[in-house]
């Protein structure tokens, strides 16, 4: 049971967890965070990363467009027909 808890991705991650999640080294992630390249915040003297912000950042950098509101599809309306004379 304890092993399954550790494999779950947490909402707030430390450097090690976030680097595993992103697939980059901890040193690279630390540099990105300190340069402001990647969304992160410091809690005390340690960097923390929110999963939702990382996901949004990856979507933005990869060019993925995520619709925040559902798009309503409106059927094409026909032109009004003139009366026959």
N, C-alpha and C. Protein backbone atom coordinates (compact mmCIF):
# COMPACT_ATOMS: atom_id res chain seq x y z
N UNK A 1 0.83 -1.20 0.00
CA UNK A 1 0.00 0.00 0.00
C UNK A 1 0.86 1.24 0.00
N UNK A 2 1.93 1.27 0.78
CA UNK A 2 2.79 2.46 0.86
C UNK A 2 3.45 2.74 -0.48
N UNK A 3 3.77 1.69 -1.25
CA UNK A 3 4.39 1.89 -2.56
C UNK A 3 3.45 2.58 -3.54
N UNK A 4 2.17 2.28 -3.47
CA UNK A 4 1.22 2.90 -4.38
C UNK A 4 1.01 4.37 -4.07
N UNK A 5 1.17 4.76 -2.82
CA UNK A 5 1.02 6.16 -2.44
C UNK A 5 2.16 6.99 -3.01
N UNK A 6 3.38 6.43 -3.02
CA UNK A 6 4.52 7.16 -3.52
C UNK A 6 4.50 7.30 -5.03
N UNK A 7 3.87 6.38 -5.77
CA UNK A 7 3.84 6.46 -7.22
C UNK A 7 2.80 7.46 -7.72
N UNK A 8 1.86 7.84 -6.87
CA UNK A 8 0.86 8.83 -7.28
C UNK A 8 1.52 10.19 -7.41
N UNK A 9 1.11 10.95 -8.42
CA UNK A 9 1.64 12.29 -8.60
C UNK A 9 0.88 13.24 -7.69
N UNK A 10 1.62 13.98 -6.92
CA UNK A 10 1.01 14.92 -5.98
C UNK A 10 0.79 16.25 -6.68
N UNK A 11 -0.10 17.06 -6.12
CA UNK A 11 -0.36 18.39 -6.69
C UNK A 11 0.85 19.29 -6.50
N UNK A 12 1.47 19.26 -5.33
CA UNK A 12 2.67 20.07 -5.07
C UNK A 12 3.85 19.11 -4.97
N UNK A 13 4.85 19.33 -5.82
CA UNK A 13 5.99 18.42 -5.89
C UNK A 13 7.28 19.14 -5.55
N UNK A 14 8.25 18.39 -5.05
CA UNK A 14 9.59 18.94 -4.83
C UNK A 14 10.42 18.76 -6.11
N UNK A 15 11.67 19.15 -6.05
CA UNK A 15 12.55 19.07 -7.23
C UNK A 15 12.63 17.64 -7.78
N UNK A 16 12.83 16.68 -6.91
CA UNK A 16 12.99 15.29 -7.35
C UNK A 16 11.73 14.78 -8.04
N UNK A 17 10.57 15.01 -7.40
CA UNK A 17 9.31 14.53 -7.97
C UNK A 17 9.00 15.23 -9.30
N UNK A 18 9.21 16.54 -9.34
CA UNK A 18 8.90 17.30 -10.55
C UNK A 18 9.86 16.92 -11.68
N UNK A 19 11.13 16.68 -11.36
CA UNK A 19 12.07 16.31 -12.42
C UNK A 19 11.73 14.94 -12.99
N UNK A 20 11.28 14.02 -12.15
CA UNK A 20 10.82 12.71 -12.63
C UNK A 20 9.58 12.88 -13.50
N UNK A 21 8.66 13.73 -13.06
CA UNK A 21 7.41 13.97 -13.80
C UNK A 21 7.69 14.56 -15.18
N UNK A 22 8.65 15.50 -15.24
CA UNK A 22 8.96 16.16 -16.50
C UNK A 22 9.98 15.39 -17.34
N UNK A 23 10.69 14.47 -16.72
CA UNK A 23 11.68 13.68 -17.45
C UNK A 23 12.98 14.44 -17.71
N UNK A 24 13.34 15.33 -16.81
CA UNK A 24 14.60 16.07 -16.93
C UNK A 24 15.38 15.91 -15.63
N UNK A 25 16.64 16.29 -15.65
CA UNK A 25 17.45 16.14 -14.45
C UNK A 25 17.07 17.18 -13.41
N UNK A 26 17.35 16.86 -12.16
CA UNK A 26 17.08 17.79 -11.07
C UNK A 26 17.88 19.08 -11.21
N UNK A 27 19.13 18.98 -11.69
CA UNK A 27 19.97 20.17 -11.88
C UNK A 27 19.38 21.11 -12.92
N UNK A 28 18.88 20.54 -14.01
CA UNK A 28 18.26 21.36 -15.06
C UNK A 28 17.01 22.03 -14.54
N UNK A 29 16.18 21.27 -13.81
CA UNK A 29 14.95 21.84 -13.26
C UNK A 29 15.25 22.95 -12.26
N UNK A 30 16.26 22.76 -11.44
CA UNK A 30 16.65 23.79 -10.48
C UNK A 30 17.07 25.06 -11.21
N UNK A 31 17.84 24.92 -12.29
CA UNK A 31 18.27 26.08 -13.07
C UNK A 31 17.07 26.78 -13.71
N UNK A 32 16.16 25.99 -14.30
CA UNK A 32 14.95 26.57 -14.91
C UNK A 32 14.13 27.34 -13.88
N UNK A 33 13.97 26.78 -12.69
CA UNK A 33 13.17 27.43 -11.64
C UNK A 33 13.84 28.72 -11.18
N UNK A 34 15.14 28.69 -10.95
CA UNK A 34 15.83 29.88 -10.46
C UNK A 34 15.90 30.99 -11.51
N UNK A 35 15.84 30.63 -12.80
CA UNK A 35 15.84 31.62 -13.88
C UNK A 35 14.43 32.11 -14.21
N UNK A 36 13.42 31.49 -13.61
CA UNK A 36 12.03 31.88 -13.89
C UNK A 36 11.49 31.33 -15.19
N UNK A 37 12.17 30.36 -15.77
CA UNK A 37 11.75 29.77 -17.04
C UNK A 37 10.54 28.86 -16.88
N UNK A 38 10.43 28.24 -15.71
CA UNK A 38 9.38 27.27 -15.44
C UNK A 38 8.60 27.75 -14.21
N UNK A 39 7.28 27.54 -14.14
CA UNK A 39 6.52 28.01 -12.98
C UNK A 39 6.88 27.24 -11.72
N UNK A 40 7.33 27.98 -10.71
CA UNK A 40 7.74 27.37 -9.44
C UNK A 40 7.65 28.41 -8.34
N UNK A 41 7.68 27.95 -7.11
CA UNK A 41 7.70 28.87 -5.97
C UNK A 41 8.58 28.26 -4.89
N UNK A 42 9.04 29.11 -4.01
CA UNK A 42 9.87 28.65 -2.90
C UNK A 42 9.03 28.56 -1.64
N UNK A 43 9.16 27.45 -0.96
CA UNK A 43 8.55 27.25 0.34
C UNK A 43 9.72 27.10 1.30
N UNK A 44 9.97 28.17 2.06
CA UNK A 44 11.20 28.22 2.84
C UNK A 44 12.35 28.45 1.88
N UNK A 45 13.31 27.54 1.86
CA UNK A 45 14.41 27.68 0.92
C UNK A 45 14.40 26.57 -0.13
N UNK A 46 13.26 25.90 -0.29
CA UNK A 46 13.17 24.79 -1.25
C UNK A 46 12.15 25.10 -2.33
N UNK A 47 12.48 24.72 -3.55
CA UNK A 47 11.59 24.92 -4.68
C UNK A 47 10.45 23.92 -4.64
N UNK A 48 9.26 24.40 -5.00
CA UNK A 48 8.08 23.56 -5.11
C UNK A 48 7.41 23.84 -6.46
N UNK A 49 6.71 22.84 -6.97
CA UNK A 49 6.10 22.92 -8.29
C UNK A 49 4.68 22.38 -8.22
N UNK A 50 3.71 23.15 -8.73
CA UNK A 50 2.32 22.69 -8.78
C UNK A 50 2.10 21.95 -10.09
N UNK A 51 1.56 20.75 -10.01
CA UNK A 51 1.35 19.91 -11.18
C UNK A 51 0.47 20.60 -12.22
N UNK A 52 -0.60 21.25 -11.78
CA UNK A 52 -1.49 21.91 -12.74
C UNK A 52 -0.79 23.03 -13.49
N UNK A 53 0.08 23.78 -12.79
CA UNK A 53 0.84 24.84 -13.46
C UNK A 53 1.86 24.27 -14.43
N UNK A 54 2.49 23.16 -14.07
CA UNK A 54 3.43 22.51 -14.98
C UNK A 54 2.71 21.99 -16.23
N UNK A 55 1.53 21.41 -16.03
CA UNK A 55 0.76 20.91 -17.17
C UNK A 55 0.37 22.06 -18.10
N UNK A 56 -0.10 23.17 -17.53
CA UNK A 56 -0.47 24.33 -18.34
C UNK A 56 0.75 24.90 -19.06
N UNK A 57 1.88 24.95 -18.38
CA UNK A 57 3.12 25.45 -18.97
C UNK A 57 3.55 24.56 -20.14
N UNK A 58 3.45 23.24 -19.97
CA UNK A 58 3.81 22.32 -21.05
C UNK A 58 2.87 22.47 -22.24
N UNK A 59 1.57 22.64 -21.96
CA UNK A 59 0.61 22.84 -23.05
C UNK A 59 0.93 24.12 -23.82
N UNK A 60 1.25 25.18 -23.09
CA UNK A 60 1.57 26.46 -23.71
C UNK A 60 2.83 26.34 -24.57
N UNK A 61 3.87 25.72 -24.04
CA UNK A 61 5.14 25.59 -24.75
C UNK A 61 5.04 24.65 -25.95
N UNK A 62 4.15 23.68 -25.89
CA UNK A 62 4.02 22.73 -26.99
C UNK A 62 3.02 23.19 -28.05
N UNK A 63 2.36 24.33 -27.79
CA UNK A 63 1.42 24.87 -28.77
C UNK A 63 0.05 24.26 -28.71
N UNK A 64 -0.25 23.51 -27.66
CA UNK A 64 -1.57 22.90 -27.52
C UNK A 64 -2.55 23.96 -27.08
N UNK A 65 -3.66 24.05 -27.77
CA UNK A 65 -4.70 25.01 -27.41
C UNK A 65 -5.76 24.27 -26.62
N UNK A 66 -5.96 24.71 -25.38
CA UNK A 66 -6.96 24.10 -24.51
C UNK A 66 -8.10 25.08 -24.36
N UNK A 67 -9.29 24.65 -24.73
CA UNK A 67 -10.47 25.51 -24.60
C UNK A 67 -10.90 25.56 -23.15
N UNK A 68 -10.97 26.77 -22.59
CA UNK A 68 -11.38 26.89 -21.20
C UNK A 68 -12.89 26.76 -21.05
N UNK A 69 -13.61 27.10 -22.09
CA UNK A 69 -15.06 26.94 -22.07
C UNK A 69 -15.48 26.10 -23.26
N UNK A 70 -16.50 25.29 -23.11
CA UNK A 70 -16.93 24.47 -24.23
C UNK A 70 -17.41 25.35 -25.39
N UNK A 71 -17.11 24.92 -26.58
CA UNK A 71 -17.51 25.65 -27.78
C UNK A 71 -18.88 25.16 -28.19
N UNK A 72 -19.81 26.09 -28.32
CA UNK A 72 -21.16 25.74 -28.73
C UNK A 72 -21.23 25.72 -30.26
N UNK A 73 -21.76 24.66 -30.79
CA UNK A 73 -21.91 24.53 -32.23
C UNK A 73 -23.33 24.96 -32.58
N UNK A 74 -23.45 25.99 -33.40
CA UNK A 74 -24.74 26.50 -33.81
C UNK A 74 -24.99 26.06 -35.24
N UNK A 75 -26.11 25.39 -35.50
CA UNK A 75 -26.37 24.96 -36.87
C UNK A 75 -26.52 26.17 -37.79
N UNK A 76 -26.07 26.01 -39.02
CA UNK A 76 -26.14 27.09 -39.99
C UNK A 76 -27.60 27.37 -40.32
N UNK A 77 -27.96 28.64 -40.21
CA UNK A 77 -29.34 29.01 -40.48
C UNK A 77 -29.52 29.30 -41.97
N UNK A 78 -30.70 28.92 -42.45
CA UNK A 78 -30.99 29.16 -43.86
C UNK A 78 -31.44 30.60 -44.05
N UNK A 79 -31.19 31.11 -45.24
CA UNK A 79 -31.64 32.46 -45.55
C UNK A 79 -33.16 32.46 -45.68
N UNK A 80 -33.79 33.55 -45.26
CA UNK A 80 -35.23 33.62 -45.41
C UNK A 80 -35.61 33.64 -46.91
N UNK A 81 -36.67 32.93 -47.21
CA UNK A 81 -37.12 32.85 -48.59
C UNK A 81 -38.14 33.95 -48.84
N UNK A 82 -38.01 34.64 -49.99
CA UNK A 82 -38.96 35.71 -50.32
C UNK A 82 -40.31 35.09 -50.67
N UNK A 83 -41.35 35.85 -50.42
CA UNK A 83 -42.70 35.38 -50.73
C UNK A 83 -42.91 35.30 -52.23
N UNK A 84 -43.64 34.32 -52.63
CA UNK A 84 -43.97 34.18 -54.05
C UNK A 84 -45.01 35.22 -54.42
N UNK A 85 -44.91 35.81 -55.59
CA UNK A 85 -45.85 36.85 -56.02
C UNK A 85 -46.98 36.34 -56.82
